[in-house]
């Protein structure tokens, strides 16, 4: 299973998503630091979920990281979060 599916599955299991985009931006960083050649090193997540609504910015980021878990987080070089 590709990393995009793992990310999407983890977030959809943890949250009731109103909107979810999982965007692979690795091609924008090809040849740069952190590019491991896998084509799955740099990601952007755009998410809107009820559970994240009343949280501070830091708490929302922590919740997303917790939902992804160390198995997924450890595969990423960069993760940009747009939490609505």
PDB file of N, CA and C in Angstrom:
ATOM      1  N   UNK A   1       0.844  -1.179   0.000  1.00  0.00           N
ATOM      2  CA  UNK A   1       0.000   0.000   0.000  1.00  0.00           C
ATOM      3  C   UNK A   1       0.884   1.235   0.000  1.00  0.00           C
ATOM      4  N   UNK A   2       0.550   2.203  -0.832  1.00  0.00           N
ATOM      5  CA  UNK A   2       1.320   3.433  -0.913  1.00  0.00           C
ATOM      6  C   UNK A   2       1.120   4.301   0.321  1.00  0.00           C
ATOM      7  N   UNK A   3       2.052   5.199   0.525  1.00  0.00           N
ATOM      8  CA  UNK A   3       2.019   6.059   1.699  1.00  0.00           C
ATOM      9  C   UNK A   3       0.791   6.974   1.705  1.00  0.00           C
ATOM     10  N   UNK A   4       0.362   7.431   0.548  1.00  0.00           N
ATOM     11  CA  UNK A   4      -0.832   8.276   0.488  1.00  0.00           C
ATOM     12  C   UNK A   4      -2.042   7.541   1.066  1.00  0.00           C
ATOM     13  N   UNK A   5      -2.217   6.291   0.706  1.00  0.00           N
ATOM     14  CA  UNK A   5      -3.344   5.509   1.216  1.00  0.00           C
ATOM     15  C   UNK A   5      -3.227   5.285   2.720  1.00  0.00           C
ATOM     16  N   UNK A   6      -2.004   5.069   3.194  1.00  0.00           N
ATOM     17  CA  UNK A   6      -1.801   4.890   4.639  1.00  0.00           C
ATOM     18  C   UNK A   6      -2.151   6.163   5.404  1.00  0.00           C
ATOM     19  N   UNK A   7      -1.699   7.303   4.893  1.00  0.00           N
ATOM     20  CA  UNK A   7      -1.991   8.584   5.532  1.00  0.00           C
ATOM     21  C   UNK A   7      -3.495   8.830   5.544  1.00  0.00           C
ATOM     22  N   UNK A   8      -4.118   8.677   4.392  1.00  0.00           N
ATOM     23  CA  UNK A   8      -5.565   8.900   4.268  1.00  0.00           C
ATOM     24  C   UNK A   8      -6.336   7.957   5.195  1.00  0.00           C
ATOM     25  N   UNK A   9      -5.977   6.704   5.209  1.00  0.00           N
ATOM     26  CA  UNK A   9      -6.663   5.723   6.053  1.00  0.00           C
ATOM     27  C   UNK A   9      -6.538   6.042   7.532  1.00  0.00           C
ATOM     28  N   UNK A  10      -5.343   6.435   7.962  1.00  0.00           N
ATOM     29  CA  UNK A  10      -5.127   6.764   9.372  1.00  0.00           C
ATOM     30  C   UNK A  10      -5.958   7.973   9.782  1.00  0.00           C
ATOM     31  N   UNK A  11      -6.016   8.982   8.934  1.00  0.00           N
ATOM     32  CA  UNK A  11      -6.768  10.192   9.261  1.00  0.00           C
ATOM     33  C   UNK A  11      -8.274   9.954   9.218  1.00  0.00           C
ATOM     34  N   UNK A  12      -8.720   9.182   8.257  1.00  0.00           N
ATOM     35  CA  UNK A  12     -10.151   8.885   8.167  1.00  0.00           C
ATOM     36  C   UNK A  12     -10.613   7.987   9.300  1.00  0.00           C
ATOM     37  N   UNK A  13      -9.710   7.167   9.841  1.00  0.00           N
ATOM     38  CA  UNK A  13     -10.054   6.332  10.993  1.00  0.00           C
ATOM     39  C   UNK A  13     -10.124   7.140  12.281  1.00  0.00           C
ATOM     40  N   UNK A  14      -9.287   8.157  12.379  1.00  0.00           N
ATOM     41  CA  UNK A  14      -9.195   8.946  13.611  1.00  0.00           C
ATOM     42  C   UNK A  14     -10.201  10.087  13.681  1.00  0.00           C
ATOM     43  N   UNK A  15     -10.581  10.636  12.540  1.00  0.00           N
ATOM     44  CA  UNK A  15     -11.409  11.832  12.511  1.00  0.00           C
ATOM     45  C   UNK A  15     -12.611  11.662  11.594  1.00  0.00           C
ATOM     46  N   UNK A  16     -13.650  12.432  11.868  1.00  0.00           N
ATOM     47  CA  UNK A  16     -14.790  12.535  10.965  1.00  0.00           C
ATOM     48  C   UNK A  16     -14.467  13.696  10.032  1.00  0.00           C
ATOM     49  N   UNK A  17     -13.894  13.379   8.896  1.00  0.00           N
ATOM     50  CA  UNK A  17     -13.399  14.426   8.013  1.00  0.00           C
ATOM     51  C   UNK A  17     -14.519  15.004   7.147  1.00  0.00           C
ATOM     52  N   UNK A  18     -14.558  16.334   7.112  1.00  0.00           N
ATOM     53  CA  UNK A  18     -15.455  17.046   6.200  1.00  0.00           C
ATOM     54  C   UNK A  18     -14.735  17.291   4.885  1.00  0.00           C
ATOM     55  N   UNK A  19     -13.411  17.431   4.983  1.00  0.00           N
ATOM     56  CA  UNK A  19     -12.570  17.672   3.809  1.00  0.00           C
ATOM     57  C   UNK A  19     -11.197  17.082   4.101  1.00  0.00           C
ATOM     58  N   UNK A  20     -10.632  16.374   3.137  1.00  0.00           N
ATOM     59  CA  UNK A  20      -9.301  15.804   3.312  1.00  0.00           C
ATOM     60  C   UNK A  20      -8.587  15.749   1.970  1.00  0.00           C
ATOM     61  N   UNK A  21      -7.411  16.355   1.930  1.00  0.00           N
ATOM     62  CA  UNK A  21      -6.526  16.251   0.772  1.00  0.00           C
ATOM     63  C   UNK A  21      -5.181  15.763   1.277  1.00  0.00           C
ATOM     64  N   UNK A  22      -4.631  14.773   0.618  1.00  0.00           N
ATOM     65  CA  UNK A  22      -3.297  14.269   0.923  1.00  0.00           C
ATOM     66  C   UNK A  22      -2.480  14.474  -0.351  1.00  0.00           C
ATOM     67  N   UNK A  23      -1.550  15.424  -0.290  1.00  0.00           N
ATOM     68  CA  UNK A  23      -0.841  15.867  -1.489  1.00  0.00           C
ATOM     69  C   UNK A  23       0.630  15.510  -1.383  1.00  0.00           C
ATOM     70  N   UNK A  24       1.107  14.758  -2.351  1.00  0.00           N
ATOM     71  CA  UNK A  24       2.519  14.396  -2.404  1.00  0.00           C
ATOM     72  C   UNK A  24       3.272  15.521  -3.114  1.00  0.00           C
ATOM     73  N   UNK A  25       4.128  16.214  -2.366  1.00  0.00           N
ATOM     74  CA  UNK A  25       4.912  17.320  -2.931  1.00  0.00           C
ATOM     75  C   UNK A  25       6.380  16.938  -3.117  1.00  0.00           C
ATOM     76  N   UNK A  26       6.675  15.665  -3.090  1.00  0.00           N
ATOM     77  CA  UNK A  26       8.061  15.201  -3.162  1.00  0.00           C
ATOM     78  C   UNK A  26       8.759  15.637  -4.441  1.00  0.00           C
ATOM     79  N   UNK A  27       8.020  15.685  -5.539  1.00  0.00           N
ATOM     80  CA  UNK A  27       8.627  16.068  -6.817  1.00  0.00           C
ATOM     81  C   UNK A  27       9.182  17.496  -6.773  1.00  0.00           C
ATOM     82  N   UNK A  28       8.635  18.327  -5.885  1.00  0.00           N
ATOM     83  CA  UNK A  28       9.112  19.706  -5.755  1.00  0.00           C
ATOM     84  C   UNK A  28      10.463  19.783  -5.039  1.00  0.00           C
ATOM     85  N   UNK A  29      10.857  18.686  -4.402  1.00  0.00           N
ATOM     86  CA  UNK A  29      12.077  18.659  -3.604  1.00  0.00           C
ATOM     87  C   UNK A  29      13.107  17.652  -4.119  1.00  0.00           C
ATOM     88  N   UNK A  30      12.904  17.162  -5.315  1.00  0.00           N
ATOM     89  CA  UNK A  30      13.817  16.170  -5.890  1.00  0.00           C
ATOM     90  C   UNK A  30      15.244  16.708  -5.908  1.00  0.00           C
ATOM     91  N   UNK A  31      16.153  15.934  -5.373  1.00  0.00           N
ATOM     92  CA  UNK A  31      17.563  16.317  -5.350  1.00  0.00           C
ATOM     93  C   UNK A  31      17.945  17.203  -4.186  1.00  0.00           C
ATOM     94  N   UNK A  32      16.988  17.621  -3.377  1.00  0.00           N
ATOM     95  CA  UNK A  32      17.260  18.478  -2.225  1.00  0.00           C
ATOM     96  C   UNK A  32      17.452  17.637  -0.966  1.00  0.00           C
ATOM     97  N   UNK A  33      17.856  18.281   0.093  1.00  0.00           N
ATOM     98  CA  UNK A  33      18.021  17.600   1.375  1.00  0.00           C
ATOM     99  C   UNK A  33      16.705  16.937   1.770  1.00  0.00           C
ATOM    100  N   UNK A  34      16.791  15.728   2.247  1.00  0.00           N
ATOM    101  CA  UNK A  34      15.606  14.998   2.676  1.00  0.00           C
ATOM    102  C   UNK A  34      14.969  14.168   1.593  1.00  0.00           C
ATOM    103  N   UNK A  35      15.367  14.362   0.351  1.00  0.00           N
ATOM    104  CA  UNK A  35      14.843  13.545  -0.743  1.00  0.00           C
ATOM    105  C   UNK A  35      15.562  12.206  -0.700  1.00  0.00           C
ATOM    106  N   UNK A  36      14.819  11.167  -0.340  1.00  0.00           N
ATOM    107  CA  UNK A  36      15.420   9.843  -0.230  1.00  0.00           C
ATOM    108  C   UNK A  36      15.283   9.031  -1.508  1.00  0.00           C
ATOM    109  N   UNK A  37      14.728   9.643  -2.536  1.00  0.00           N
ATOM    110  CA  UNK A  37      14.571   8.961  -3.817  1.00  0.00           C
ATOM    111  C   UNK A  37      13.311   8.112  -3.915  1.00  0.00           C
ATOM    112  N   UNK A  38      12.543   8.037  -2.834  1.00  0.00           N
ATOM    113  CA  UNK A  38      11.337   7.204  -2.827  1.00  0.00           C
ATOM    114  C   UNK A  38      10.169   7.871  -3.548  1.00  0.00           C
ATOM    115  N   UNK A  39      10.235   9.192  -3.677  1.00  0.00           N
ATOM    116  CA  UNK A  39       9.111   9.927  -4.248  1.00  0.00           C
ATOM    117  C   UNK A  39       7.979  10.098  -3.253  1.00  0.00           C
ATOM    118  N   UNK A  40       8.236   9.774  -1.976  1.00  0.00           N
ATOM    119  CA  UNK A  40       7.218   9.885  -0.930  1.00  0.00           C
ATOM    120  C   UNK A  40       7.802  10.487   0.338  1.00  0.00           C
ATOM    121  N   UNK A  41       8.551  11.556   0.210  1.00  0.00           N
ATOM    122  CA  UNK A  41       9.240  12.144   1.365  1.00  0.00           C
ATOM    123  C   UNK A  41       8.606  13.438   1.862  1.00  0.00           C
ATOM    124  N   UNK A  42       7.923  14.173   1.002  1.00  0.00           N
ATOM    125  CA  UNK A  42       7.370  15.488   1.339  1.00  0.00           C
ATOM    126  C   UNK A  42       5.862  15.494   1.082  1.00  0.00           C
ATOM    127  N   UNK A  43       5.092  15.819   2.124  1.00  0.00           N
ATOM    128  CA  UNK A  43       3.636  15.735   2.028  1.00  0.00           C
ATOM    129  C   UNK A  43       2.959  16.985   2.567  1.00  0.00           C
ATOM    130  N   UNK A  44       1.800  17.270   2.039  1.00  0.00           N
ATOM    131  CA  UNK A  44       0.927  18.339   2.537  1.00  0.00           C
ATOM    132  C   UNK A  44      -0.435  17.713   2.793  1.00  0.00           C
ATOM    133  N   UNK A  45      -0.991  18.009   3.962  1.00  0.00           N
ATOM    134  CA  UNK A  45      -2.323  17.530   4.323  1.00  0.00           C
ATOM    135  C   UNK A  45      -3.212  18.740   4.556  1.00  0.00           C
ATOM    136  N   UNK A  46      -4.345  18.740   3.889  1.00  0.00           N
ATOM    137  CA  UNK A  46      -5.382  19.740   4.115  1.00  0.00           C
ATOM    138  C   UNK A  46      -6.545  18.963   4.723  1.00  0.00           C
ATOM    139  N   UNK A  47      -6.919  19.335   5.953  1.00  0.00           N
ATOM    140  CA  UNK A  47      -7.956  18.577   6.647  1.00  0.00           C
ATOM    141  C   UNK A  47      -8.917  19.496   7.383  1.00  0.00           C
ATOM    142  N   UNK A  48     -10.174  19.132   7.321  1.00  0.00           N
ATOM    143  CA  UNK A  48     -11.203  19.775   8.123  1.00  0.00           C
ATOM    144  C   UNK A  48     -11.968  18.643   8.799  1.00  0.00           C
ATOM    145  N   UNK A  49     -11.993  18.695  10.128  1.00  0.00           N
ATOM    146  CA  UNK A  49     -12.672  17.651  10.891  1.00  0.00           C
ATOM    147  C   UNK A  49     -13.269  18.253  12.153  1.00  0.00           C
ATOM    148  N   UNK A  50     -14.454  17.785  12.504  1.00  0.00           N
ATOM    149  CA  UNK A  50     -15.147  18.260  13.692  1.00  0.00           C
ATOM    150  C   UNK A  50     -14.286  18.184  14.942  1.00  0.00           C
ATOM    151  N   UNK A  51     -13.609  17.075  15.110  1.00  0.00           N
ATOM    152  CA  UNK A  51     -12.827  16.827  16.323  1.00  0.00           C
ATOM    153  C   UNK A  51     -11.710  17.849  16.526  1.00  0.00           C
ATOM    154  N   UNK A  52     -11.269  18.486  15.480  1.00  0.00           N
ATOM    155  CA  UNK A  52     -10.154  19.428  15.562  1.00  0.00           C
ATOM    156  C   UNK A  52     -10.623  20.860  15.798  1.00  0.00           C
ATOM    157  N   UNK A  53     -11.924  21.085  15.732  1.00  0.00           N
ATOM    158  CA  UNK A  53     -12.485  22.428  15.763  1.00  0.00           C
ATOM    159  C   UNK A  53     -12.183  23.268  16.991  1.00  0.00           C
ATOM    160  N   UNK A  54     -12.295  22.718  18.173  1.00  0.00           N
ATOM    161  CA  UNK A  54     -12.127  23.507  19.383  1.00  0.00           C
ATOM    162  C   UNK A  54     -10.719  23.515  19.948  1.00  0.00           C
ATOM    163  N   UNK A  55      -9.774  23.002  19.201  1.00  0.00           N
ATOM    164  CA  UNK A  55      -8.404  22.864  19.702  1.00  0.00           C
ATOM    165  C   UNK A  55      -7.535  24.054  19.313  1.00  0.00           C
ATOM    166  N   UNK A  56      -6.476  24.268  20.097  1.00  0.00           N
ATOM    167  CA  UNK A  56      -5.464  25.258  19.716  1.00  0.00           C
ATOM    168  C   UNK A  56      -4.697  24.719  18.508  1.00  0.00           C
ATOM    169  N   UNK A  57      -3.947  25.579  17.871  1.00  0.00           N
ATOM    170  CA  UNK A  57      -3.156  25.170  16.699  1.00  0.00           C
ATOM    171  C   UNK A  57      -2.202  24.035  17.061  1.00  0.00           C
ATOM    172  N   UNK A  58      -1.524  24.169  18.184  1.00  0.00           N
ATOM    173  CA  UNK A  58      -0.579  23.144  18.618  1.00  0.00           C
ATOM    174  C   UNK A  58      -1.292  21.821  18.902  1.00  0.00           C
ATOM    175  N   UNK A  59      -2.426  21.883  19.558  1.00  0.00           N
ATOM    176  CA  UNK A  59      -3.186  20.665  19.863  1.00  0.00           C
ATOM    177  C   UNK A  59      -3.668  19.978  18.592  1.00  0.00           C
ATOM    178  N   UNK A  60      -4.083  20.767  17.595  1.00  0.00           N
ATOM    179  CA  UNK A  60      -4.515  20.176  16.315  1.00  0.00           C
ATOM    180  C   UNK A  60      -3.361  19.443  15.639  1.00  0.00           C
ATOM    181  N   UNK A  61      -2.190  20.068  15.620  1.00  0.00           N
ATOM    182  CA  UNK A  61      -1.024  19.431  15.005  1.00  0.00           C
ATOM    183  C   UNK A  61      -0.656  18.155  15.742  1.00  0.00           C
ATOM    184  N   UNK A  62      -0.693  18.207  17.062  1.00  0.00           N
ATOM    185  CA  UNK A  62      -0.387  17.011  17.850  1.00  0.00           C
ATOM    186  C   UNK A  62      -1.392  15.903  17.583  1.00  0.00           C
ATOM    187  N   UNK A  63      -2.666  16.255  17.436  1.00  0.00           N
ATOM    188  CA  UNK A  63      -3.707  15.265  17.170  1.00  0.00           C
ATOM    189  C   UNK A  63      -3.490  14.592  15.816  1.00  0.00           C
ATOM    190  N   UNK A  64      -3.119  15.372  14.811  1.00  0.00           N
ATOM    191  CA  UNK A  64      -2.858  14.791  13.487  1.00  0.00           C
ATOM    192  C   UNK A  64      -1.637  13.875  13.546  1.00  0.00           C
ATOM    193  N   UNK A  65      -0.579  14.322  14.202  1.00  0.00           N
ATOM    194  CA  UNK A  65       0.619  13.489  14.333  1.00  0.00           C
ATOM    195  C   UNK A  65       0.303  12.199  15.077  1.00  0.00           C
ATOM    196  N   UNK A  66      -0.499  12.291  16.139  1.00  0.00           N
ATOM    197  CA  UNK A  66      -0.886  11.100  16.904  1.00  0.00           C
ATOM    198  C   UNK A  66      -1.704  10.146  16.040  1.00  0.00           C
ATOM    199  N   UNK A  67      -2.600  10.698  15.228  1.00  0.00           N
ATOM    200  CA  UNK A  67      -3.427   9.862  14.348  1.00  0.00           C
ATOM    201  C   UNK A  67      -2.569   9.129  13.319  1.00  0.00           C
ATOM    202  N   UNK A  68      -1.542   9.796  12.823  1.00  0.00           N
ATOM    203  CA  UNK A  68      -0.660   9.155  11.835  1.00  0.00           C
ATOM    204  C   UNK A  68       0.214   8.095  12.490  1.00  0.00           C
ATOM    205  N   UNK A  69       0.610   8.343  13.722  1.00  0.00           N
ATOM    206  CA  UNK A  69       1.417   7.367  14.452  1.00  0.00           C
ATOM    207  C   UNK A  69       2.862   7.331  13.980  1.00  0.00           C
ATOM    208  N   UNK A  70       3.726   6.753  14.799  1.00  0.00           N
ATOM    209  CA  UNK A  70       5.154   6.732  14.483  1.00  0.00           C
ATOM    210  C   UNK A  70       5.498   5.950  13.216  1.00  0.00           C
ATOM    211  N   UNK A  71       4.687   4.943  12.872  1.00  0.00           N
ATOM    212  CA  UNK A  71       4.977   4.152  11.669  1.00  0.00           C
ATOM    213  C   UNK A  71       4.936   5.009  10.418  1.00  0.00           C
ATOM    214  N   UNK A  72       3.993   5.940  10.357  1.00  0.00           N
ATOM    215  CA  UNK A  72       3.883   6.824   9.195  1.00  0.00           C
ATOM    216  C   UNK A  72       4.809   8.030   9.351  1.00  0.00           C
ATOM    217  N   UNK A  73       4.785   8.665  10.502  1.00  0.00           N
ATOM    218  CA  UNK A  73       5.599   9.867  10.731  1.00  0.00           C
ATOM    219  C   UNK A  73       7.068   9.593  10.438  1.00  0.00           C
ATOM    220  N   UNK A  74       7.562   8.439  10.826  1.00  0.00           N
ATOM    221  CA  UNK A  74       8.981   8.115  10.620  1.00  0.00           C
ATOM    222  C   UNK A  74       9.352   7.920   9.154  1.00  0.00           C
ATOM    223  N   UNK A  75       8.364   7.802   8.280  1.00  0.00           N
ATOM    224  CA  UNK A  75       8.629   7.664   6.844  1.00  0.00           C
ATOM    225  C   UNK A  75       8.672   9.009   6.132  1.00  0.00           C
ATOM    226  N   UNK A  76       8.329  10.078   6.840  1.00  0.00           N
ATOM    227  CA  UNK A  76       8.223  11.401   6.225  1.00  0.00           C
ATOM    228  C   UNK A  76       9.451  12.246   6.532  1.00  0.00           C
ATOM    229  N   UNK A  77       9.885  13.012   5.556  1.00  0.00           N
ATOM    230  CA  UNK A  77      10.917  14.025   5.808  1.00  0.00           C
ATOM    231  C   UNK A  77      10.264  15.351   6.156  1.00  0.00           C
ATOM    232  N   UNK A  78       9.175  15.679   5.453  1.00  0.00           N
ATOM    233  CA  UNK A  78       8.497  16.955   5.672  1.00  0.00           C
ATOM    234  C   UNK A  78       6.995  16.744   5.597  1.00  0.00           C
ATOM    235  N   UNK A  79       6.284  17.422   6.515  1.00  0.00           N
ATOM    236  CA  UNK A  79       4.829  17.348   6.549  1.00  0.00           C
ATOM    237  C   UNK A  79       4.277  18.747   6.791  1.00  0.00           C
ATOM    238  N   UNK A  80       3.551  19.273   5.833  1.00  0.00           N
ATOM    239  CA  UNK A  80       2.882  20.565   5.968  1.00  0.00           C
ATOM    240  C   UNK A  80       1.416  20.299   6.281  1.00  0.00           C
ATOM    241  N   UNK A  81       0.901  21.000   7.293  1.00  0.00           N
ATOM    242  CA  UNK A  81      -0.484  20.789   7.705  1.00  0.00           C
ATOM    243  C   UNK A  81      -1.284  22.076   7.528  1.00  0.00           C
ATOM    244  N   UNK A  82      -2.414  21.944   6.852  1.00  0.00           N
ATOM    245  CA  UNK A  82      -3.395  23.015   6.729  1.00  0.00           C
ATOM    246  C   UNK A  82      -4.659  22.463   7.383  1.00  0.00           C
ATOM    247  N   UNK A  83      -4.885  22.868   8.639  1.00  0.00           N
ATOM    248  CA  UNK A  83      -6.011  22.335   9.411  1.00  0.00           C
ATOM    249  C   UNK A  83      -7.070  23.420   9.499  1.00  0.00           C
ATOM    250  N   UNK A  84      -8.240  23.107   9.011  1.00  0.00           N
ATOM    251  CA  UNK A  84      -9.325  24.091   8.956  1.00  0.00           C
ATOM    252  C   UNK A  84     -10.349  23.827  10.033  1.00  0.00           C
TER     253      UNK A  84
END
